[in-house]
Amino acid sequence: MSTTDVRNVIIIGGGPAGYTAALYAARANLEPLVIEGFNWGGQLMITSDVENYPGYSDGVMGPEMMQDFRRQAERFGTGFITDDVTKVDFSERPFRVTVDSDEYLAHTVIVATGATARQLGLDSEQRLQGRGVSYCATCDAAFFPDKHVVVVGGGDSAMEEATFLTRFAAKVTIVHRRDEFRASQIMLDRARANDKIDWVTNALVDEVLGDGRVTGVRLRDVNTNERWELAADGVFAAIGHDPNTKLFLDQLDHDEAGYLVTQPGSTETNVAGVFAVGDVQDHVYRQAVTAAGSGCMGALDAERFLAAQEGHLMAAEAAPRV
């Protein structure tokens, strides 16, 4: 199915950035359409307690917060399609966004597809997500006061997460599959100088232990295959994130890691009328509140772009004919 109706704004992705963009666009009477994807809600859907988002003084479950965001955007007239975008065409306006056999047209597009934390690939990890398994120390460190937590990884992210966790946890053990690290020397030195951090190298996590809550990990030596258990109250997988940008890489500028590049102080991409917000273009902060703020910026940028286009059109229509 192809529609000839051209929408003011199509937002691709349903998470803090996408839903906030929808809220602002809807309140500006732009009648946005959010193609939120089957996995709407983003990384918040695998987060149990959220205590660092302003306004939720008693904390909130991640899925509940995303439902609140979605409901608020819907209240002001946002339309939703709970399906995945399969193709985009930004080569000409109106832009074309395809969902299977259905094609939608838009004057502007806001990309808010987010990023996905790399996981260990364990069934036990999946089972204990939000119950001691986390992918964000800034989000969840405060839940582990005076506890022992394991950080898995060997890059800058792992060193940064481990160092941050020592502000709360009594002990942090970094588990890495090699005895050499990808982390920069300054980050590695900082972690090694912290007396709260222990190290287990040449080891993999074979299983996250616990029944309803993390109680430890089962480790395996990569050289000898020896297995042993390490008691712990939490596991932080710090092996990186992947931006969900595969659909856009051949049309939008991006960095080496695949994150979309936006103009400084703006959400504008290299294609006029296409904007990128949230974790899809932010590999530094990756917080719900920064994603939401970015979504607000994207909606305002889209609104201004549409107003400028309308102004050009009105000026052209008013020009004298010769």
Protein backbone atom coordinates (compact mmCIF):
# COMPACT_ATOMS: atom_id res chain seq x y z
CA MET A 1 0.00 0.00 0.00
CA SER A 2 1.28 3.46 -0.88
CA THR A 3 -0.34 6.64 0.42
CA THR A 4 -0.31 10.03 -1.29
CA ASP A 5 -0.85 11.83 2.02
CA VAL A 6 2.31 13.65 3.02
CA ARG A 7 2.76 13.93 6.76
CA ASN A 8 4.56 16.79 8.43
CA VAL A 9 6.67 14.52 10.63
CA ILE A 10 7.42 10.82 10.79
CA ILE A 11 9.37 9.67 13.84
CA ILE A 12 11.19 6.37 13.51
CA GLY A 13 11.67 4.68 16.87
CA GLY A 14 9.78 4.54 20.15
CA GLY A 15 11.87 5.30 23.21
CA PRO A 16 12.47 8.38 25.39
CA ALA A 17 13.76 10.39 22.41
CA GLY A 18 11.07 9.33 19.95
CA TYR A 19 8.15 9.75 22.33
CA THR A 20 9.37 13.16 23.52
CA ALA A 21 9.79 14.30 19.92
CA ALA A 22 6.24 13.09 19.28
CA LEU A 23 4.90 14.97 22.30
CA TYR A 24 6.42 18.27 21.19
CA ALA A 25 5.47 17.77 17.54
CA ALA A 26 1.91 16.85 18.46
CA ARG A 27 1.50 19.90 20.70
CA ALA A 28 2.68 22.01 17.76
CA ASN A 29 -0.21 20.55 15.72
CA LEU A 30 2.15 18.72 13.36
CA GLU A 31 0.19 15.46 13.74
CA PRO A 32 3.27 13.23 13.95
CA LEU A 33 3.30 9.55 13.10
CA VAL A 34 5.55 7.37 15.24
CA ILE A 35 6.66 4.10 13.69
CA GLU A 36 7.80 2.74 17.02
CA GLY A 37 8.98 -0.75 16.12
CA PHE A 38 8.04 -4.07 17.65
CA ASN A 39 10.53 -3.48 20.47
CA TRP A 40 9.11 -0.10 21.40
CA GLY A 41 10.34 1.52 24.60
CA GLY A 42 14.01 0.91 23.90
CA GLN A 43 16.49 -0.09 26.59
CA LEU A 44 14.10 1.07 29.32
CA MET A 45 12.02 -2.05 28.66
CA ILE A 46 14.77 -4.21 30.20
CA THR A 47 15.32 -1.83 33.12
CA SER A 48 13.49 -2.58 36.34
CA ASP A 49 13.83 0.40 38.68
CA VAL A 50 14.48 3.90 37.35
CA GLU A 51 15.31 6.33 40.15
CA ASN A 52 17.22 9.04 38.29
CA TYR A 53 14.52 10.44 36.00
CA PRO A 54 13.16 13.81 37.24
CA GLY A 55 9.55 13.75 38.39
CA TYR A 56 9.44 10.15 39.58
CA SER A 57 10.34 10.82 43.19
CA ASP A 58 9.59 7.25 44.29
CA GLY A 59 11.21 5.66 41.26
CA VAL A 60 9.43 3.87 38.45
CA MET A 61 9.73 0.66 36.48
CA GLY A 62 11.31 1.20 33.06
CA PRO A 63 8.39 -0.27 31.06
CA GLU A 64 5.89 1.75 33.11
CA MET A 65 7.80 4.97 32.39
CA MET A 66 7.81 4.25 28.66
CA GLN A 67 4.07 3.60 28.77
CA ASP A 68 3.65 7.00 30.46
CA PHE A 69 5.74 8.67 27.73
CA ARG A 70 3.74 6.96 25.00
CA ARG A 71 0.39 7.77 26.58
CA GLN A 72 1.26 11.44 26.91
CA ALA A 73 2.26 11.70 23.25
CA GLU A 74 -0.92 9.89 22.24
CA ARG A 75 -3.03 12.28 24.29
CA PHE A 76 -2.08 15.15 21.96
CA GLY A 77 -2.86 13.29 18.75
CA THR A 78 0.23 11.27 17.89
CA GLY A 79 -0.41 8.31 15.62
CA PHE A 80 1.43 5.03 16.17
CA ILE A 81 2.44 2.06 14.05
CA THR A 82 3.86 -0.81 16.09
CA ASP A 83 6.01 -2.30 13.38
CA ASP A 84 9.58 -2.03 12.10
CA VAL A 85 10.65 0.24 9.27
CA THR A 86 12.15 -1.85 6.48
CA LYS A 87 13.40 0.87 4.11
CA VAL A 88 13.87 4.64 3.87
CA ASP A 89 14.49 6.92 0.92
CA PHE A 90 15.88 10.36 1.76
CA SER A 91 17.08 11.11 -1.77
CA GLU A 92 14.17 13.43 -2.54
CA ARG A 93 11.24 15.10 -0.84
CA PRO A 94 8.80 14.04 0.30
CA PHE A 95 10.81 11.40 2.11
CA ARG A 96 9.64 7.80 1.84
CA VAL A 97 9.46 5.46 4.82
CA THR A 98 8.50 1.87 4.11
CA VAL A 99 7.05 -0.70 6.49
CA ASP A 100 6.90 -4.03 4.63
CA SER A 101 4.57 -3.26 1.69
CA ASP A 102 3.26 0.02 3.12
CA GLU A 103 4.87 3.32 2.17
CA TYR A 104 4.49 6.58 4.07
CA LEU A 105 5.51 10.07 2.90
CA ALA A 106 6.78 12.90 5.07
CA HIS A 107 8.16 16.43 4.81
CA THR A 108 10.50 15.72 7.75
CA VAL A 109 11.79 12.59 9.46
CA ILE A 110 13.16 12.26 12.98
CA VAL A 111 15.36 9.20 13.48
CA ALA A 112 15.12 7.94 17.07
CA THR A 113 16.02 4.28 16.74
CA GLY A 114 18.40 4.28 19.70
CA ALA A 115 21.23 1.89 20.45
CA THR A 116 21.42 -1.65 21.76
CA ALA A 117 23.72 -2.74 24.55
CA ARG A 118 25.87 -5.68 23.57
CA GLN A 119 24.99 -8.69 25.68
CA LEU A 120 26.92 -11.72 26.85
CA GLY A 121 24.56 -14.03 24.98
CA LEU A 122 23.58 -16.17 27.96
CA ASP A 123 20.11 -17.48 28.78
CA SER A 124 20.82 -16.80 32.45
CA GLU A 125 21.71 -13.20 31.57
CA GLN A 126 18.34 -12.72 29.87
CA ARG A 127 16.51 -14.24 32.81
CA LEU A 128 18.17 -11.94 35.34
CA GLN A 129 18.04 -8.66 33.40
CA GLY A 130 16.90 -5.97 35.80
CA ARG A 131 17.44 -8.40 38.68
CA GLY A 132 21.10 -7.77 39.13
CA VAL A 133 22.18 -7.81 35.48
CA SER A 134 22.67 -4.29 34.13
CA TYR A 135 24.24 -2.49 31.18
CA CYS A 136 24.56 0.98 32.72
CA ALA A 137 26.49 1.81 35.89
CA THR A 138 25.32 5.43 35.87
CA CYS A 139 21.74 4.17 35.89
CA ASP A 140 22.02 1.35 38.42
CA ALA A 141 25.12 1.73 40.61
CA ALA A 142 23.13 3.17 43.49
CA PHE A 143 21.27 -0.14 43.83
CA PHE A 144 24.47 -1.85 44.98
CA PRO A 145 25.64 -0.03 48.12
CA ASP A 146 28.37 -2.00 49.93
CA LYS A 147 27.87 -4.93 47.54
CA HIS A 148 30.19 -6.94 45.32
CA VAL A 149 29.61 -6.52 41.59
CA VAL A 150 31.24 -7.96 38.49
CA VAL A 151 32.05 -5.86 35.42
CA VAL A 152 32.59 -7.76 32.18
CA GLY A 153 34.77 -6.09 29.55
CA GLY A 154 38.20 -4.73 28.76
CA GLY A 155 37.65 -1.40 27.03
CA ASP A 156 37.26 2.18 28.20
CA SER A 157 33.59 1.56 28.96
CA ALA A 158 34.43 -1.27 31.34
CA MET A 159 37.09 0.78 33.14
CA GLU A 160 34.77 3.75 33.43
CA GLU A 161 31.86 1.62 34.67
CA ALA A 162 34.04 -0.18 37.22
CA THR A 163 35.53 3.04 38.55
CA PHE A 164 32.10 4.65 38.86
CA LEU A 165 30.71 1.59 40.65
CA THR A 166 33.35 1.88 43.38
CA ARG A 167 31.54 4.97 44.62
CA PHE A 168 28.80 2.64 45.84
CA ALA A 169 29.94 -0.98 45.84
CA ALA A 170 32.34 -2.38 48.42
CA LYS A 171 34.16 -4.39 45.76
CA VAL A 172 34.23 -4.53 41.96
CA THR A 173 35.75 -7.41 40.00
CA ILE A 174 36.62 -6.82 36.35
CA VAL A 175 36.40 -10.00 34.27
CA HIS A 176 38.11 -9.94 30.88
CA ARG A 177 38.69 -12.70 28.35
CA ARG A 178 42.33 -11.70 27.72
CA ASP A 179 45.19 -10.38 29.83
CA GLU A 180 45.58 -7.39 27.52
CA PHE A 181 43.06 -4.56 27.44
CA ARG A 182 41.62 -2.38 24.70
CA ALA A 183 41.16 0.44 27.20
CA SER A 184 43.29 3.55 26.89
CA GLN A 185 46.28 3.63 29.22
CA ILE A 186 44.93 6.50 31.30
CA MET A 187 41.62 4.69 31.94
CA LEU A 188 43.42 1.44 32.72
CA ASP A 189 45.84 3.12 35.12
CA ARG A 190 42.97 4.83 36.91
CA ALA A 191 41.17 1.53 37.43
CA ARG A 192 44.34 -0.27 38.53
CA ALA A 193 45.03 2.43 41.10
CA ASN A 194 41.62 1.87 42.72
CA ASP A 195 41.99 -0.52 45.65
CA LYS A 196 38.31 -1.51 45.43
CA ILE A 197 38.83 -3.14 42.02
CA ASP A 198 39.95 -6.76 41.61
CA TRP A 199 40.91 -8.40 38.32
CA VAL A 200 40.16 -11.76 36.70
CA THR A 201 41.75 -12.11 33.26
CA ASN A 202 41.75 -14.84 30.62
CA ALA A 203 38.26 -15.78 31.75
CA LEU A 204 34.73 -15.80 30.39
CA VAL A 205 31.37 -15.69 32.16
CA ASP A 206 29.72 -19.00 31.34
CA GLU A 207 26.62 -18.41 33.45
CA VAL A 208 25.02 -15.79 35.65
CA LEU A 209 23.91 -17.48 38.85
CA GLY A 210 20.78 -16.73 40.83
CA ASP A 211 17.13 -17.61 41.27
CA GLY A 212 15.18 -14.38 40.93
CA ARG A 213 18.24 -12.30 41.82
CA VAL A 214 21.93 -12.45 40.89
CA THR A 215 24.03 -14.35 43.42
CA GLY A 216 27.21 -14.81 41.39
CA VAL A 217 28.79 -15.93 38.13
CA ARG A 218 30.32 -19.14 36.85
CA LEU A 219 33.65 -18.36 35.21
CA ARG A 220 35.77 -20.39 32.78
CA ASP A 221 39.49 -20.05 32.18
CA VAL A 222 39.99 -19.65 28.42
CA ASN A 223 43.32 -21.50 28.51
CA THR A 224 42.61 -24.45 30.81
CA ASN A 225 38.78 -24.62 30.68
CA GLU A 226 38.80 -24.73 34.47
CA ARG A 227 35.47 -23.52 35.87
CA TRP A 228 34.73 -21.89 39.19
CA GLU A 229 32.08 -19.76 40.84
CA LEU A 230 32.44 -16.21 42.09
CA ALA A 231 29.85 -14.83 44.49
CA ALA A 232 28.48 -11.43 43.46
CA ASP A 233 25.39 -9.28 43.89
CA GLY A 234 25.37 -7.78 40.41
CA VAL A 235 26.78 -8.16 36.90
CA PHE A 236 27.45 -5.20 34.60
CA ALA A 237 28.05 -6.09 30.96
CA ALA A 238 30.32 -3.33 29.64
CA ILE A 239 31.23 -4.63 26.21
CA GLY A 240 29.82 -1.74 24.23
CA HIS A 241 26.71 -0.54 22.42
CA ASP A 242 25.64 -0.76 18.81
CA PRO A 243 23.58 2.10 17.32
CA ASN A 244 20.49 0.93 15.46
CA THR A 245 21.46 2.66 12.24
CA LYS A 246 21.71 -0.09 9.62
CA LEU A 247 18.76 1.38 7.68
CA PHE A 248 20.44 4.76 7.33
CA LEU A 249 24.15 4.15 6.79
CA ASP A 250 24.04 4.56 3.01
CA GLN A 251 22.18 7.89 3.23
CA LEU A 252 23.17 9.66 6.45
CA ASP A 253 26.63 10.63 7.66
CA HIS A 254 27.90 8.51 10.53
CA ASP A 255 31.07 7.88 12.48
CA GLU A 256 33.22 4.76 12.46
CA ALA A 257 31.02 3.09 15.08
CA GLY A 258 27.86 3.76 13.09
CA TYR A 259 26.44 6.59 15.20
CA LEU A 260 24.68 9.25 13.12
CA VAL A 261 26.48 12.58 12.93
CA THR A 262 24.50 15.76 13.63
CA GLN A 263 25.43 19.40 13.22
CA PRO A 264 26.91 20.99 16.39
CA GLY A 265 24.17 22.39 18.61
CA SER A 266 21.49 20.83 16.44
CA THR A 267 19.84 17.53 15.55
CA GLU A 268 20.26 18.17 11.81
CA THR A 269 21.85 15.44 9.73
CA ASN A 270 23.54 15.90 6.36
CA VAL A 271 20.11 15.61 4.70
CA ALA A 272 17.99 18.74 5.15
CA GLY A 273 14.74 17.80 6.84
CA VAL A 274 16.08 14.63 8.45
CA PHE A 275 16.98 14.83 12.14
CA ALA A 276 18.62 12.35 14.52
CA VAL A 277 17.92 12.26 18.26
CA GLY A 278 18.77 10.18 21.31
CA ASP A 279 21.23 7.32 21.56
CA VAL A 280 21.33 6.86 17.80
CA GLN A 281 23.65 9.89 17.74
CA ASP A 282 24.86 10.00 21.34
CA HIS A 283 27.59 7.58 22.38
CA VAL A 284 28.67 9.64 25.39
CA TYR A 285 25.76 10.14 27.80
CA ARG A 286 23.19 7.47 26.84
CA GLN A 287 20.65 8.43 29.52
CA ALA A 288 16.87 8.52 29.30
CA VAL A 289 16.82 12.18 30.32
CA THR A 290 19.41 13.23 27.70
CA ALA A 291 17.58 11.21 25.06
CA ALA A 292 14.32 12.93 25.96
CA GLY A 293 15.99 16.35 25.79
CA SER A 294 17.40 15.45 22.40
CA GLY A 295 13.94 14.39 21.24
CA CYS A 296 12.59 17.80 22.23
CA MET A 297 15.37 19.44 20.20
CA GLY A 298 14.54 17.28 17.17
CA ALA A 299 10.86 18.25 17.25
CA LEU A 300 11.71 21.95 17.55
CA ASP A 301 14.23 21.66 14.71
CA ALA A 302 11.64 19.91 12.53
CA GLU A 303 9.00 22.53 13.36
CA ARG A 304 11.37 25.36 12.41
CA PHE A 305 12.36 23.58 9.22
CA LEU A 306 8.71 23.20 8.21
CA ALA A 307 7.97 26.84 9.05
CA ALA A 308 10.92 27.97 6.90
CA GLN A 309 9.76 25.78 4.02
CA GLU A 310 6.25 27.18 4.31
CA GLY A 311 7.69 30.70 4.35
CA HIS A 312 9.66 30.03 1.16
CA LEU A 313 6.54 28.61 -0.49
CA MET A 314 4.40 31.60 0.50
CA ALA A 315 7.09 33.99 -0.77
CA ALA A 316 7.26 32.15 -4.07
CA GLU A 317 3.47 32.25 -4.47
CA ALA A 318 3.44 35.98 -3.70
CA ALA A 319 6.20 36.79 -6.19
CA PRO A 320 5.00 38.75 -9.26
CA ARG A 321 4.63 36.79 -12.48
CA VAL A 322 6.63 38.14 -15.41
